[in-house]
Amino acid sequence: MPYEISDLDDGPRKDAHQSHSGDLIARDYTVLQLRAFQMGIGCVNSWGAWPLKQYIPQYEDHTFTYIVKPVSL
């Protein structure tokens, strides 16, 4: 995506400024994030509640593999 994480998330204080999609300015590069796990599904609301326990990744050693291949457009 053409955005930094800081472009998409205002940080812990959401009351200071609220970003909207119309406020985003695309960067001239692509940001790629590789994650083995993502926490966030299975919440009881969308306003800061933690996910239900069964959806929180356990703290332990994990490995994952990825391959990056160039493509021609």
N, C-alpha and C. Protein backbone atom coordinates (compact mmCIF):
# COMPACT_ATOMS: atom_id res chain seq x y z
N MET A 1 0.84 -1.17 0.00
CA MET A 1 0.00 0.00 0.00
C MET A 1 0.89 1.23 0.00
N PRO A 2 0.42 2.33 -0.49
CA PRO A 2 1.26 3.53 -0.56
C PRO A 2 1.18 4.42 0.69
N TYR A 3 1.03 3.80 1.86
CA TYR A 3 0.90 4.56 3.12
C TYR A 3 1.77 3.95 4.21
N GLU A 4 2.32 4.79 5.06
CA GLU A 4 3.02 4.35 6.25
C GLU A 4 1.99 4.03 7.33
N ILE A 5 2.37 3.23 8.32
CA ILE A 5 1.47 2.94 9.43
C ILE A 5 1.05 4.23 10.12
N SER A 6 1.99 5.14 10.27
CA SER A 6 1.67 6.41 10.93
C SER A 6 0.65 7.23 10.14
N ASP A 7 0.54 7.01 8.83
CA ASP A 7 -0.49 7.68 8.03
C ASP A 7 -1.88 7.14 8.36
N LEU A 8 -1.94 5.86 8.70
CA LEU A 8 -3.22 5.19 8.91
C LEU A 8 -3.69 5.18 10.35
N ASP A 9 -2.76 5.35 11.29
CA ASP A 9 -3.09 5.27 12.71
C ASP A 9 -2.57 6.51 13.41
N ASP A 10 -3.46 7.21 14.07
CA ASP A 10 -3.10 8.46 14.74
C ASP A 10 -2.39 8.23 16.07
N GLY A 11 -2.13 6.98 16.43
CA GLY A 11 -1.46 6.69 17.69
C GLY A 11 -2.46 6.44 18.81
N PRO A 12 -1.98 6.41 20.04
CA PRO A 12 -2.86 6.05 21.15
C PRO A 12 -3.92 7.10 21.48
N ARG A 13 -3.69 8.36 21.14
CA ARG A 13 -4.67 9.42 21.44
C ARG A 13 -5.52 9.70 20.22
N LYS A 14 -6.64 9.03 20.13
CA LYS A 14 -7.52 9.18 18.97
C LYS A 14 -8.33 10.47 19.03
N ASP A 15 -8.39 11.09 20.20
CA ASP A 15 -9.19 12.31 20.33
C ASP A 15 -8.45 13.54 19.82
N ALA A 16 -7.13 13.43 19.62
CA ALA A 16 -6.35 14.57 19.17
C ALA A 16 -6.67 14.94 17.72
N HIS A 17 -6.81 13.96 16.87
CA HIS A 17 -7.12 14.18 15.47
C HIS A 17 -7.69 12.89 14.91
N GLN A 18 -8.71 12.99 14.12
CA GLN A 18 -9.28 11.79 13.51
C GLN A 18 -9.02 11.83 12.01
N SER A 19 -8.27 10.84 11.52
CA SER A 19 -7.98 10.77 10.09
C SER A 19 -9.13 10.10 9.35
N HIS A 20 -9.32 10.52 8.15
CA HIS A 20 -10.31 9.92 7.26
C HIS A 20 -9.62 9.60 5.95
N SER A 21 -10.19 8.69 5.18
CA SER A 21 -9.53 8.26 3.95
C SER A 21 -9.24 9.43 3.01
N GLY A 22 -10.06 10.43 3.01
CA GLY A 22 -9.82 11.61 2.17
C GLY A 22 -8.62 12.42 2.60
N ASP A 23 -8.15 12.23 3.83
CA ASP A 23 -6.99 12.95 4.35
C ASP A 23 -5.67 12.31 3.93
N LEU A 24 -5.71 11.08 3.44
CA LEU A 24 -4.49 10.35 3.12
C LEU A 24 -3.85 10.85 1.82
N ILE A 25 -2.55 11.00 1.86
CA ILE A 25 -1.79 11.36 0.66
C ILE A 25 -0.87 10.19 0.34
N ALA A 26 -1.04 9.63 -0.84
CA ALA A 26 -0.26 8.46 -1.23
C ALA A 26 1.23 8.81 -1.31
N ARG A 27 2.06 7.91 -0.81
CA ARG A 27 3.51 8.07 -0.90
C ARG A 27 3.96 7.63 -2.29
N ASP A 28 5.19 7.98 -2.65
CA ASP A 28 5.68 7.57 -3.96
C ASP A 28 6.45 6.25 -3.89
N TYR A 29 6.15 5.45 -2.88
CA TYR A 29 6.73 4.12 -2.73
C TYR A 29 5.68 3.21 -2.11
N THR A 30 5.94 1.93 -2.13
CA THR A 30 5.00 0.94 -1.60
C THR A 30 5.51 0.41 -0.27
N VAL A 31 4.62 0.31 0.69
CA VAL A 31 4.95 -0.23 2.01
C VAL A 31 4.40 -1.65 2.08
N LEU A 32 5.26 -2.59 2.43
CA LEU A 32 4.89 -3.99 2.54
C LEU A 32 5.13 -4.44 3.97
N GLN A 33 4.13 -5.02 4.60
CA GLN A 33 4.28 -5.55 5.95
C GLN A 33 4.08 -7.05 5.91
N LEU A 34 5.00 -7.76 6.51
CA LEU A 34 4.91 -9.21 6.58
C LEU A 34 4.68 -9.60 8.03
N ARG A 35 3.58 -10.27 8.29
CA ARG A 35 3.24 -10.67 9.65
C ARG A 35 2.80 -12.13 9.65
N ALA A 36 3.32 -12.86 10.61
CA ALA A 36 2.89 -14.25 10.75
C ALA A 36 1.51 -14.32 11.37
N PHE A 37 1.20 -13.37 12.22
CA PHE A 37 -0.10 -13.34 12.91
C PHE A 37 -0.60 -11.91 12.95
N GLN A 38 -1.88 -11.78 13.06
CA GLN A 38 -2.47 -10.47 13.27
C GLN A 38 -3.57 -10.61 14.31
N MET A 39 -3.50 -9.81 15.33
CA MET A 39 -4.53 -9.83 16.36
C MET A 39 -5.55 -8.76 16.01
N GLY A 40 -6.80 -9.04 16.24
CA GLY A 40 -7.79 -8.01 16.00
C GLY A 40 -9.16 -8.53 15.61
N ILE A 41 -9.24 -9.77 15.16
CA ILE A 41 -10.56 -10.30 14.84
C ILE A 41 -11.21 -10.84 16.11
N GLY A 42 -12.49 -10.97 16.10
CA GLY A 42 -13.19 -11.59 17.21
C GLY A 42 -13.46 -10.66 18.38
N CYS A 43 -13.47 -9.34 18.14
CA CYS A 43 -13.79 -8.41 19.22
C CYS A 43 -15.30 -8.34 19.44
N VAL A 44 -15.66 -7.85 20.58
CA VAL A 44 -17.08 -7.66 20.87
C VAL A 44 -17.54 -6.28 20.42
N ASN A 45 -16.60 -5.39 20.11
CA ASN A 45 -16.94 -4.09 19.54
C ASN A 45 -15.73 -3.58 18.75
N SER A 46 -15.86 -2.45 18.11
CA SER A 46 -14.76 -1.90 17.32
C SER A 46 -14.14 -0.67 17.99
N TRP A 47 -14.36 -0.51 19.27
CA TRP A 47 -13.92 0.71 19.96
C TRP A 47 -12.89 0.44 21.04
N GLY A 48 -11.95 -0.46 20.78
CA GLY A 48 -10.84 -0.63 21.70
C GLY A 48 -10.90 -1.87 22.57
N ALA A 49 -11.95 -2.66 22.48
CA ALA A 49 -12.00 -3.89 23.27
C ALA A 49 -10.98 -4.88 22.74
N TRP A 50 -10.37 -5.66 23.62
CA TRP A 50 -9.44 -6.71 23.20
C TRP A 50 -10.23 -7.83 22.53
N PRO A 51 -9.59 -8.54 21.60
CA PRO A 51 -10.25 -9.70 21.01
C PRO A 51 -10.56 -10.75 22.07
N LEU A 52 -11.49 -11.62 21.77
CA LEU A 52 -11.79 -12.72 22.66
C LEU A 52 -10.55 -13.58 22.82
N LYS A 53 -10.40 -14.24 23.95
CA LYS A 53 -9.18 -14.97 24.28
C LYS A 53 -8.75 -15.96 23.20
N GLN A 54 -9.71 -16.64 22.58
CA GLN A 54 -9.35 -17.64 21.57
C GLN A 54 -8.77 -17.01 20.31
N TYR A 55 -8.86 -15.68 20.14
CA TYR A 55 -8.32 -15.00 18.97
C TYR A 55 -7.04 -14.22 19.26
N ILE A 56 -6.49 -14.35 20.45
CA ILE A 56 -5.24 -13.68 20.80
C ILE A 56 -4.10 -14.66 20.58
N PRO A 57 -3.13 -14.33 19.70
CA PRO A 57 -2.01 -15.25 19.48
C PRO A 57 -1.23 -15.49 20.77
N GLN A 58 -0.85 -16.72 20.99
CA GLN A 58 -0.08 -17.07 22.18
C GLN A 58 1.38 -16.65 22.00
N TYR A 59 2.00 -16.22 23.08
CA TYR A 59 3.40 -15.83 23.04
C TYR A 59 4.25 -17.09 23.06
N GLU A 60 4.87 -17.38 21.96
CA GLU A 60 5.76 -18.52 21.82
C GLU A 60 6.55 -18.34 20.54
N ASP A 61 7.55 -19.15 20.32
CA ASP A 61 8.34 -19.06 19.10
C ASP A 61 7.50 -19.48 17.90
N HIS A 62 7.55 -18.69 16.86
CA HIS A 62 6.86 -18.99 15.61
C HIS A 62 7.83 -18.75 14.47
N THR A 63 7.63 -19.44 13.37
CA THR A 63 8.38 -19.18 12.15
C THR A 63 7.41 -19.14 10.99
N PHE A 64 7.77 -18.39 9.98
CA PHE A 64 7.03 -18.41 8.74
C PHE A 64 7.99 -18.07 7.61
N THR A 65 7.64 -18.45 6.41
CA THR A 65 8.50 -18.26 5.25
C THR A 65 7.74 -17.47 4.20
N TYR A 66 8.46 -16.64 3.51
CA TYR A 66 7.86 -15.90 2.41
C TYR A 66 8.88 -15.78 1.29
N ILE A 67 8.39 -15.57 0.10
CA ILE A 67 9.23 -15.40 -1.09
C ILE A 67 8.81 -14.11 -1.76
N VAL A 68 9.78 -13.29 -2.10
CA VAL A 68 9.51 -12.05 -2.83
C VAL A 68 10.05 -12.23 -4.24
N LYS A 69 9.17 -12.11 -5.22
CA LYS A 69 9.56 -12.26 -6.62
C LYS A 69 9.19 -11.01 -7.38
N PRO A 70 10.09 -10.50 -8.20
CA PRO A 70 9.74 -9.33 -9.02
C PRO A 70 8.69 -9.70 -10.07
N VAL A 71 7.86 -8.76 -10.39
CA VAL A 71 6.85 -8.98 -11.43
C VAL A 71 6.98 -7.87 -12.47
N SER A 72 6.62 -8.18 -13.68
CA SER A 72 6.59 -7.19 -14.76
C SER A 72 5.16 -6.81 -15.03
N LEU A 73 4.90 -5.55 -15.11
CA LEU A 73 3.54 -5.09 -15.40
C LEU A 73 3.41 -4.64 -16.83
